N, C-alpha and C. Protein backbone atom coordinates (compact mmCIF):
# COMPACT_ATOMS: atom_id res chain seq x y z
N MET A 1 0.85 -1.18 0.00
CA MET A 1 0.00 0.00 0.00
C MET A 1 0.90 1.24 0.00
N SER A 2 0.69 2.10 -0.95
CA SER A 2 1.56 3.27 -1.08
C SER A 2 1.06 4.42 -0.22
N SER A 3 2.00 5.27 0.16
CA SER A 3 1.66 6.43 0.97
C SER A 3 1.25 7.58 0.06
N LYS A 4 0.43 8.48 0.58
CA LYS A 4 0.01 9.63 -0.23
C LYS A 4 1.07 10.73 -0.24
N TYR A 5 2.08 10.61 0.63
CA TYR A 5 3.15 11.60 0.69
C TYR A 5 4.31 11.18 -0.20
N PRO A 6 5.00 12.13 -0.80
CA PRO A 6 6.16 11.78 -1.62
C PRO A 6 7.29 11.19 -0.78
N ARG A 7 8.19 10.50 -1.46
CA ARG A 7 9.27 9.81 -0.76
C ARG A 7 10.16 10.80 0.00
N SER A 8 10.40 11.99 -0.55
CA SER A 8 11.26 12.97 0.11
C SER A 8 10.65 13.45 1.43
N VAL A 9 9.33 13.58 1.46
CA VAL A 9 8.66 14.01 2.70
C VAL A 9 8.73 12.90 3.74
N ARG A 10 8.54 11.66 3.30
CA ARG A 10 8.59 10.54 4.24
C ARG A 10 9.98 10.36 4.81
N ARG A 11 11.01 10.76 4.07
CA ARG A 11 12.37 10.61 4.54
C ARG A 11 12.76 11.75 5.48
N CYS A 12 12.37 12.98 5.17
CA CYS A 12 12.82 14.16 5.94
C CYS A 12 11.93 14.48 7.14
N LEU A 13 10.67 14.11 7.08
CA LEU A 13 9.74 14.48 8.14
C LEU A 13 10.13 13.90 9.50
N PRO A 14 10.52 12.62 9.61
CA PRO A 14 10.93 12.13 10.93
C PRO A 14 12.15 12.87 11.48
N LEU A 15 13.08 13.25 10.61
CA LEU A 15 14.25 13.99 11.06
C LEU A 15 13.84 15.36 11.59
N TRP A 16 12.94 16.04 10.89
CA TRP A 16 12.45 17.34 11.37
C TRP A 16 11.71 17.20 12.69
N ALA A 17 10.92 16.14 12.82
CA ALA A 17 10.16 15.94 14.05
C ALA A 17 11.09 15.68 15.22
N LEU A 18 12.13 14.87 15.02
CA LEU A 18 13.09 14.61 16.10
C LEU A 18 13.87 15.86 16.47
N THR A 19 14.24 16.66 15.48
CA THR A 19 14.97 17.90 15.74
C THR A 19 14.11 18.87 16.54
N LEU A 20 12.86 19.02 16.14
CA LEU A 20 11.95 19.91 16.86
C LEU A 20 11.71 19.42 18.28
N GLU A 21 11.54 18.12 18.44
CA GLU A 21 11.32 17.55 19.77
C GLU A 21 12.54 17.77 20.66
N ALA A 22 13.73 17.56 20.14
CA ALA A 22 14.95 17.77 20.91
C ALA A 22 15.10 19.24 21.31
N ALA A 23 14.78 20.14 20.39
CA ALA A 23 14.88 21.57 20.70
C ALA A 23 13.91 21.96 21.80
N LEU A 24 12.69 21.44 21.75
CA LEU A 24 11.71 21.77 22.79
C LEU A 24 12.12 21.19 24.15
N ILE A 25 12.66 19.99 24.16
CA ILE A 25 13.11 19.38 25.41
C ILE A 25 14.26 20.18 26.01
N LEU A 26 15.22 20.58 25.18
CA LEU A 26 16.34 21.38 25.68
C LEU A 26 15.87 22.73 26.19
N PHE A 27 14.95 23.37 25.48
CA PHE A 27 14.41 24.65 25.92
C PHE A 27 13.71 24.51 27.26
N TYR A 28 12.89 23.47 27.40
CA TYR A 28 12.17 23.22 28.65
C TYR A 28 13.15 22.95 29.78
N PHE A 29 14.18 22.15 29.51
CA PHE A 29 15.16 21.81 30.54
C PHE A 29 15.89 23.05 31.02
N PHE A 30 16.38 23.87 30.08
CA PHE A 30 17.18 25.02 30.48
C PHE A 30 16.34 26.09 31.16
N THR A 31 15.09 26.27 30.78
CA THR A 31 14.27 27.28 31.45
C THR A 31 13.96 26.84 32.88
N HIS A 32 13.66 25.58 33.09
CA HIS A 32 13.37 25.11 34.44
C HIS A 32 14.63 24.90 35.27
N TYR A 33 15.75 24.61 34.63
CA TYR A 33 17.01 24.45 35.34
C TYR A 33 17.44 25.78 35.94
N ASP A 34 17.31 26.87 35.19
CA ASP A 34 17.66 28.19 35.71
C ASP A 34 16.77 28.56 36.89
N ALA A 35 15.50 28.25 36.82
CA ALA A 35 14.58 28.57 37.90
C ALA A 35 14.92 27.76 39.14
N SER A 36 15.31 26.51 38.98
CA SER A 36 15.64 25.70 40.14
C SER A 36 16.94 26.17 40.78
N LEU A 37 17.87 26.70 40.00
CA LEU A 37 19.10 27.26 40.57
C LEU A 37 18.78 28.47 41.43
N GLU A 38 17.88 29.31 40.98
CA GLU A 38 17.49 30.48 41.77
C GLU A 38 16.83 30.05 43.07
N ASP A 39 16.01 29.01 43.04
CA ASP A 39 15.37 28.50 44.25
C ASP A 39 16.42 27.98 45.23
N GLN A 40 17.42 27.28 44.72
CA GLN A 40 18.46 26.73 45.59
C GLN A 40 19.29 27.86 46.21
N LYS A 41 19.58 28.89 45.43
CA LYS A 41 20.34 30.02 45.98
C LYS A 41 19.55 30.71 47.08
N GLY A 42 18.24 30.82 46.91
CA GLY A 42 17.40 31.43 47.94
C GLY A 42 17.38 30.59 49.20
N LEU A 43 17.35 29.27 49.05
CA LEU A 43 17.35 28.40 50.23
C LEU A 43 18.67 28.48 50.97
N VAL A 44 19.77 28.51 50.24
CA VAL A 44 21.09 28.58 50.88
C VAL A 44 21.26 29.93 51.56
N ALA A 45 20.77 31.00 50.96
CA ALA A 45 20.91 32.33 51.54
C ALA A 45 20.10 32.46 52.83
N SER A 46 19.00 31.71 52.95
CA SER A 46 18.18 31.82 54.15
C SER A 46 18.85 31.17 55.36
N TYR A 47 19.77 30.25 55.12
CA TYR A 47 20.50 29.64 56.23
C TYR A 47 21.68 30.49 56.53
């Protein structure tokens, strides 16, 4: 059964999806990592 998408789209689309997913995960990690560092600094400063 053939796909309705051309071969070039079927080949490149998974790569684009993985790249986008990796970028979103890294963005999420770094934004929350910076926030957690600020929380830790506040906890250490209170002692």
